[in-house]
Amino acid sequence: MASNSFFVLHVFVMFSLASMALSDSLSPSFYDHVCPEALPAIKRVVEDAVKQERRMGASLLRLHFHDCFVNGCDASILLDKTTTIDSEKTAIPNNNSIRGFDVIDKIKSEVDKCCGRSIVSCADIVAVAARDSVVALGGPTWEVPLGRRDSTTASRTTANNDIPPPFLDLPALINSFKKQGLDEKDLVALSGGHTLGFAQCSTFRNRIYNDTNIDSTFASQRKANCPRRGGNTNLAPLDPTPALFDSKYFSNLVSKKGLLHSDQALFNGGQTDNLVKKYSTNLGSFSKDFAESMIKMGNIKPLTGNQGQIRVNCRKVNV
């Protein structure tokens, strides 16, 4: 009887794995049967990492953005440079600034241990970790569609071209997001991710010294830690509460206190002004739209079915 039960369980597991391999669409319940412990394991590691360093929440969220904007949400950003991999880690938007790789490694290890095999993709881990980071810092939750597979390639050139830099004006930002299938509401809502985290001096120096649509007192405060020369990696908060998901990022824009040129471009007499105003006084509306846009972004060109692979080590392609 026991052996018969084992046979039935074995058949069920193999059937579930086969169904997963053949699936060409994402679903929040993707791992429910084959490894129900996977998502709780991700949440535990993320919560621990954010507890140790609250800035890590913003870093894990940014990791998801920068992954999805380069050939889709396929964990290509995690790949180290090799003779055949042109790592995205050294692309201009990522070099010496993208963080969280060690946390992803730890999540992968814990999830594989819980599941008894390498069954959860690194791409899904990045997507879920972003959601859990937002929740850990007081933001909304959402059901993450799952079933992504991992890429076997990376592209530093595409990262340089497709990740929107911090000096873009509104038309260029709209075009950058449109290229990814994202509209103006997605642009504003996802830019609201800057309610969390910090930026390096090199990304906002030109704004605080040369832009005219900036509060003078705010500019002076930022100049104290961002000289005209040197101090490129000195940090400043993207909004007044960088470890709390709130609407102060948008309040800052209305007051001409956006840290990045691309931030302030969202409230500078253009077509996104009204949405910024709305979010600045309505956290519920921002939270709802942010969650919806995160799901939409997470659906950018995922590898599914038999495409790609499930990497055993998120930094390396399986041999």
Protein backbone atom coordinates (compact mmCIF):
# COMPACT_ATOMS: atom_id res chain seq x y z
CA MET A 1 0.00 0.00 0.00
CA ALA A 2 2.80 2.37 0.94
CA SER A 3 4.71 1.69 -2.27
CA ASN A 4 1.52 2.19 -4.27
CA SER A 5 0.99 5.58 -2.58
CA PHE A 6 4.57 6.51 -3.39
CA PHE A 7 3.99 5.60 -7.04
CA VAL A 8 0.88 7.80 -7.20
CA LEU A 9 2.76 10.70 -5.58
CA HIS A 10 5.67 10.21 -7.99
CA VAL A 11 3.34 10.25 -10.99
CA PHE A 12 1.59 13.37 -9.64
CA VAL A 13 4.88 15.23 -9.17
CA MET A 14 6.15 14.25 -12.62
CA PHE A 15 2.84 15.28 -14.17
CA SER A 16 2.99 18.62 -12.37
CA LEU A 17 6.56 19.21 -13.54
CA ALA A 18 5.58 18.31 -17.10
CA SER A 19 2.65 20.72 -16.93
CA MET A 20 4.98 23.45 -15.70
CA ALA A 21 7.44 22.86 -18.54
CA LEU A 22 4.71 23.05 -21.17
CA SER A 23 2.97 26.12 -19.74
CA ASP A 24 3.33 29.19 -21.93
CA SER A 25 1.58 31.65 -19.63
CA LEU A 26 2.27 32.97 -16.15
CA SER A 27 0.08 32.14 -13.15
CA PRO A 28 0.24 33.09 -9.45
CA SER A 29 -0.43 29.40 -8.60
CA PHE A 30 2.44 28.06 -10.73
CA TYR A 31 4.32 26.50 -7.78
CA ASP A 32 1.34 25.71 -5.55
CA HIS A 33 1.46 21.94 -6.09
CA VAL A 34 5.13 21.25 -6.86
CA CYS A 35 6.56 23.46 -4.10
CA PRO A 36 4.09 25.34 -1.88
CA GLU A 37 6.97 26.27 0.47
CA ALA A 38 8.72 28.35 -2.22
CA LEU A 39 6.99 31.71 -1.77
CA PRO A 40 7.06 31.67 2.06
CA ALA A 41 10.81 30.93 1.84
CA ILE A 42 11.38 33.94 -0.43
CA LYS A 43 9.40 36.15 1.93
CA ARG A 44 11.42 35.04 4.98
CA VAL A 45 14.77 35.83 3.37
CA VAL A 46 13.57 39.18 2.02
CA GLU A 47 12.13 40.24 5.36
CA ASP A 48 15.38 39.30 7.09
CA ALA A 49 17.48 41.19 4.53
CA VAL A 50 15.31 44.32 4.81
CA LYS A 51 15.38 44.10 8.60
CA GLN A 52 19.18 44.08 8.48
CA GLU A 53 19.35 46.94 5.96
CA ARG A 54 16.15 48.73 5.00
CA ARG A 55 17.78 50.15 1.87
CA MET A 56 17.96 46.60 0.52
CA GLY A 57 14.21 46.69 -0.13
CA ALA A 58 14.67 49.46 -2.68
CA SER A 59 17.65 47.63 -4.19
CA LEU A 60 15.66 44.42 -4.75
CA LEU A 61 12.82 46.41 -6.31
CA ARG A 62 15.29 48.16 -8.65
CA LEU A 63 16.80 44.80 -9.59
CA HIS A 64 13.42 43.72 -10.97
CA PHE A 65 13.02 46.97 -12.96
CA HIS A 66 16.48 46.71 -14.49
CA ASP A 67 15.97 43.04 -15.32
CA CYS A 68 12.61 43.49 -17.06
CA PHE A 69 13.70 46.47 -19.17
CA VAL A 70 16.44 44.40 -20.84
CA ASN A 71 14.91 41.75 -23.11
CA GLY A 72 12.18 40.96 -20.59
CA CYS A 73 11.98 39.57 -17.06
CA ASP A 74 14.43 36.70 -17.47
CA ALA A 75 17.06 37.16 -14.74
CA SER A 76 19.67 38.15 -17.33
CA ILE A 77 20.82 40.89 -14.94
CA LEU A 78 22.10 38.24 -12.52
CA LEU A 79 24.59 36.66 -14.93
CA ASP A 80 28.27 37.25 -14.30
CA LYS A 81 30.63 38.07 -17.16
CA THR A 82 32.22 35.15 -18.98
CA THR A 83 33.82 34.67 -22.40
CA THR A 84 30.31 34.24 -23.82
CA ILE A 85 28.22 36.39 -21.43
CA ASP A 86 28.34 40.17 -21.81
CA SER A 87 27.19 40.88 -18.27
CA GLU A 88 24.60 43.61 -17.69
CA LYS A 89 26.12 44.24 -14.26
CA THR A 90 28.74 46.52 -15.82
CA ALA A 91 26.31 48.49 -17.99
CA ILE A 92 26.23 52.23 -17.26
CA PRO A 93 22.89 52.15 -15.35
CA ASN A 94 24.09 49.22 -13.20
CA ASN A 95 27.85 49.51 -12.75
CA ASN A 96 28.78 50.01 -9.10
CA SER A 97 25.16 50.79 -8.23
CA ILE A 98 22.92 47.74 -8.74
CA ARG A 99 22.71 45.68 -5.54
CA GLY A 100 21.03 42.66 -3.98
CA PHE A 101 22.81 39.80 -5.76
CA ASP A 102 23.87 38.16 -2.48
CA VAL A 103 20.28 38.25 -1.24
CA ILE A 104 19.05 36.60 -4.44
CA ASP A 105 21.73 33.92 -4.01
CA LYS A 106 20.55 33.28 -0.47
CA ILE A 107 16.92 33.09 -1.57
CA LYS A 108 17.80 30.63 -4.32
CA SER A 109 19.65 28.41 -1.84
CA GLU A 110 16.78 28.44 0.66
CA VAL A 111 14.11 27.83 -1.98
CA ASP A 112 16.01 24.93 -3.54
CA LYS A 113 16.42 23.44 -0.07
CA CYS A 114 12.68 23.74 0.62
CA CYS A 115 11.73 22.31 -2.76
CA GLY A 116 14.31 19.54 -2.76
CA ARG A 117 15.48 20.52 -6.25
CA SER A 118 16.14 23.54 -8.46
CA ILE A 119 12.58 24.14 -9.54
CA VAL A 120 12.00 27.88 -9.00
CA SER A 121 13.55 30.16 -11.60
CA CYS A 122 15.83 33.04 -10.69
CA ALA A 123 13.54 35.31 -12.74
CA ASP A 124 10.57 34.40 -10.55
CA ILE A 125 12.68 34.90 -7.43
CA VAL A 126 13.58 38.43 -8.54
CA ALA A 127 9.91 39.23 -9.25
CA VAL A 128 8.64 37.89 -5.92
CA ALA A 129 11.50 39.49 -3.96
CA ALA A 130 10.54 42.88 -5.41
CA ARG A 131 6.94 42.43 -4.24
CA ASP A 132 7.98 41.22 -0.79
CA SER A 133 10.38 44.16 -0.44
CA VAL A 134 7.60 46.65 -1.13
CA VAL A 135 5.36 44.93 1.42
CA ALA A 136 8.17 44.87 4.01
CA LEU A 137 8.49 48.65 3.66
CA GLY A 138 4.79 49.36 4.14
CA GLY A 139 3.60 49.15 0.54
CA PRO A 140 0.83 47.21 -1.21
CA THR A 141 0.87 43.54 -2.05
CA TRP A 142 -0.16 41.82 -5.26
CA GLU A 143 -0.28 38.32 -6.70
CA VAL A 144 2.86 37.82 -8.77
CA PRO A 145 2.21 35.79 -11.93
CA LEU A 146 4.83 33.01 -11.98
CA GLY A 147 6.36 30.55 -14.39
CA ARG A 148 9.19 32.62 -15.87
CA ARG A 149 12.30 30.78 -16.96
CA ASP A 150 15.87 32.07 -16.95
CA SER A 151 17.80 33.39 -19.91
CA THR A 152 21.05 31.88 -21.12
CA THR A 153 22.33 35.22 -22.41
CA ALA A 154 22.75 38.82 -21.27
CA SER A 155 23.28 42.10 -23.10
CA ARG A 156 25.24 45.01 -21.70
CA THR A 157 24.51 46.98 -24.89
CA THR A 158 20.75 46.53 -24.51
CA ALA A 159 20.99 47.52 -20.84
CA ASN A 160 22.79 50.71 -21.84
CA ASN A 161 20.15 51.47 -24.48
CA ASP A 162 16.90 50.40 -22.83
CA ILE A 163 17.16 51.22 -19.12
CA PRO A 164 15.96 54.84 -18.93
CA PRO A 165 18.75 57.12 -17.65
CA PRO A 166 18.05 59.78 -15.00
CA PHE A 167 18.43 62.76 -17.33
CA LEU A 168 15.53 62.02 -19.72
CA ASP A 169 12.73 64.52 -20.36
CA LEU A 170 9.08 63.44 -20.46
CA PRO A 171 8.76 62.58 -24.20
CA ALA A 172 11.86 60.35 -24.02
CA LEU A 173 10.57 58.68 -20.85
CA ILE A 174 7.20 58.00 -22.47
CA ASN A 175 8.94 56.47 -25.50
CA SER A 176 11.24 54.37 -23.31
CA PHE A 177 8.27 52.88 -21.44
CA LYS A 178 6.19 52.54 -24.61
CA LYS A 179 8.96 50.39 -26.08
CA GLN A 180 8.30 47.96 -23.20
CA GLY A 181 4.54 47.98 -23.73
CA LEU A 182 3.96 50.36 -20.80
CA ASP A 183 1.79 53.49 -20.98
CA GLU A 184 1.93 56.90 -19.29
CA LYS A 185 0.11 55.69 -16.19
CA ASP A 186 2.62 52.88 -15.85
CA LEU A 187 5.43 55.40 -16.25
CA VAL A 188 4.19 57.58 -13.40
CA ALA A 189 3.16 54.72 -11.12
CA LEU A 190 6.40 52.76 -11.59
CA SER A 191 8.50 55.91 -11.20
CA GLY A 192 6.80 56.06 -7.80
CA GLY A 193 9.12 53.20 -6.88
CA HIS A 194 11.45 56.09 -6.07
CA THR A 195 9.45 56.49 -2.90
CA LEU A 196 12.10 54.02 -1.72
CA GLY A 197 15.86 54.21 -1.76
CA PHE A 198 18.73 56.51 -2.62
CA ALA A 199 20.54 57.85 -5.68
CA GLN A 200 24.21 58.55 -6.25
CA CYS A 201 25.47 62.10 -6.67
CA SER A 202 26.55 61.42 -10.25
CA THR A 203 22.91 60.83 -11.23
CA PHE A 204 21.57 64.15 -9.92
CA ARG A 205 24.57 66.53 -9.99
CA ASN A 206 23.52 68.18 -13.24
CA ARG A 207 19.99 68.72 -11.91
CA ILE A 208 20.95 70.46 -8.67
CA TYR A 209 23.52 72.72 -10.34
CA ASN A 210 21.90 73.46 -13.71
CA ASP A 211 18.13 72.80 -13.72
CA THR A 212 15.84 75.77 -13.16
CA ASN A 213 12.67 73.84 -12.20
CA ILE A 214 14.04 73.05 -8.76
CA ASP A 215 13.38 74.44 -5.29
CA SER A 216 16.45 76.53 -4.40
CA THR A 217 16.59 75.43 -0.76
CA PHE A 218 16.32 71.79 -1.79
CA ALA A 219 19.10 72.25 -4.33
CA SER A 220 21.36 73.85 -1.72
CA GLN A 221 20.75 70.96 0.69
CA ARG A 222 21.71 68.41 -1.96
CA LYS A 223 24.81 70.38 -3.00
CA ALA A 224 26.19 69.98 0.53
CA ASN A 225 26.76 66.29 -0.16
CA CYS A 226 27.23 66.43 -3.93
CA PRO A 227 30.06 68.77 -5.00
CA ARG A 228 30.60 69.86 -8.58
CA ARG A 229 33.57 67.53 -8.74
CA GLY A 230 34.14 64.30 -6.86
CA GLY A 231 31.81 62.47 -4.49
CA ASN A 232 30.13 60.59 -7.37
CA THR A 233 28.93 57.78 -5.12
CA ASN A 234 27.66 60.01 -2.30
CA LEU A 235 24.03 59.14 -1.62
CA ALA A 236 20.89 61.22 -1.23
CA PRO A 237 17.36 59.95 -0.53
CA LEU A 238 14.97 59.87 -3.47
CA ASP A 239 12.24 61.21 -1.18
CA PRO A 240 12.11 62.33 2.49
CA THR A 241 11.20 58.82 3.72
CA PRO A 242 13.42 56.45 1.68
CA ALA A 243 12.58 53.36 3.75
CA LEU A 244 8.80 53.83 3.72
CA PHE A 245 6.37 53.29 0.86
CA ASP A 246 4.27 56.47 0.84
CA SER A 247 3.25 59.31 -1.50
CA LYS A 248 5.95 61.81 -0.52
CA TYR A 249 7.84 61.17 -3.73
CA PHE A 250 4.94 62.78 -5.59
CA SER A 251 4.54 65.58 -3.03
CA ASN A 252 8.19 66.37 -3.67
CA LEU A 253 7.58 66.65 -7.41
CA VAL A 254 4.71 69.09 -6.87
CA SER A 255 7.09 71.18 -4.72
CA LYS A 256 9.86 71.01 -7.38
CA LYS A 257 11.96 68.81 -5.13
CA GLY A 258 12.39 65.82 -7.41
CA LEU A 259 15.93 64.53 -6.99
CA LEU A 260 16.47 63.26 -10.53
CA HIS A 261 15.83 65.24 -13.71
CA SER A 262 13.68 62.33 -14.91
CA ASP A 263 11.67 62.48 -11.69
CA GLN A 264 10.83 66.17 -12.02
CA ALA A 265 10.03 65.68 -15.72
CA LEU A 266 6.83 63.93 -14.58
CA PHE A 267 5.61 67.24 -13.10
CA ASN A 268 6.81 70.01 -15.35
CA GLY A 269 3.79 71.26 -17.28
CA GLY A 270 3.28 68.06 -19.26
CA GLN A 271 0.53 65.47 -19.66
CA THR A 272 1.50 63.53 -16.53
CA ASP A 273 1.05 66.48 -14.14
CA ASN A 274 -2.50 65.57 -13.15
CA LEU A 275 -1.60 62.00 -12.27
CA VAL A 276 1.32 63.19 -10.13
CA LYS A 277 -1.04 65.59 -8.32
CA LYS A 278 -3.55 62.79 -7.76
CA TYR A 279 -0.94 60.42 -6.33
CA SER A 280 0.52 63.15 -4.12
CA THR A 281 -2.71 63.32 -2.14
CA ASN A 282 -4.08 59.80 -2.62
CA LEU A 283 -1.79 57.01 -1.40
CA GLY A 284 -4.51 54.42 -1.99
CA SER A 285 -4.79 55.30 -5.66
CA PHE A 286 -1.01 55.27 -6.09
CA SER A 287 -0.67 51.93 -4.30
CA LYS A 288 -3.38 50.32 -6.45
CA ASP A 289 -1.90 51.61 -9.71
CA PHE A 290 1.63 50.73 -8.65
CA ALA A 291 0.64 47.12 -7.95
CA GLU A 292 -1.15 46.85 -11.31
CA SER A 293 1.80 48.33 -13.18
CA MET A 294 4.24 46.02 -11.40
CA ILE A 295 2.23 43.03 -12.63
CA LYS A 296 2.21 44.50 -16.13
CA MET A 297 5.96 45.13 -16.04
CA GLY A 298 6.58 41.62 -14.71
CA ASN A 299 4.85 40.26 -17.82
CA ILE A 300 7.34 41.81 -20.25
CA LYS A 301 8.54 39.08 -22.62
CA PRO A 302 8.92 36.24 -20.10
CA LEU A 303 10.56 33.01 -21.16
CA THR A 304 8.07 30.19 -20.62
CA GLY A 305 7.47 26.56 -21.55
CA ASN A 306 10.70 25.07 -22.88
CA GLN A 307 12.41 28.42 -23.45
CA GLY A 308 15.50 29.23 -21.42
CA GLN A 309 16.27 27.14 -18.35
CA ILE A 310 15.93 27.00 -14.56
CA ARG A 311 19.40 28.09 -13.44
CA VAL A 312 20.93 26.14 -10.58
CA ASN A 313 23.21 29.10 -9.84
CA CYS A 314 21.56 32.45 -10.61
CA ARG A 315 24.93 33.92 -11.63
CA LYS A 316 25.78 31.22 -14.19
CA VAL A 317 24.18 29.42 -17.10
CA ASN A 318 23.72 25.70 -16.47
CA VAL A 319 26.45 23.62 -18.08
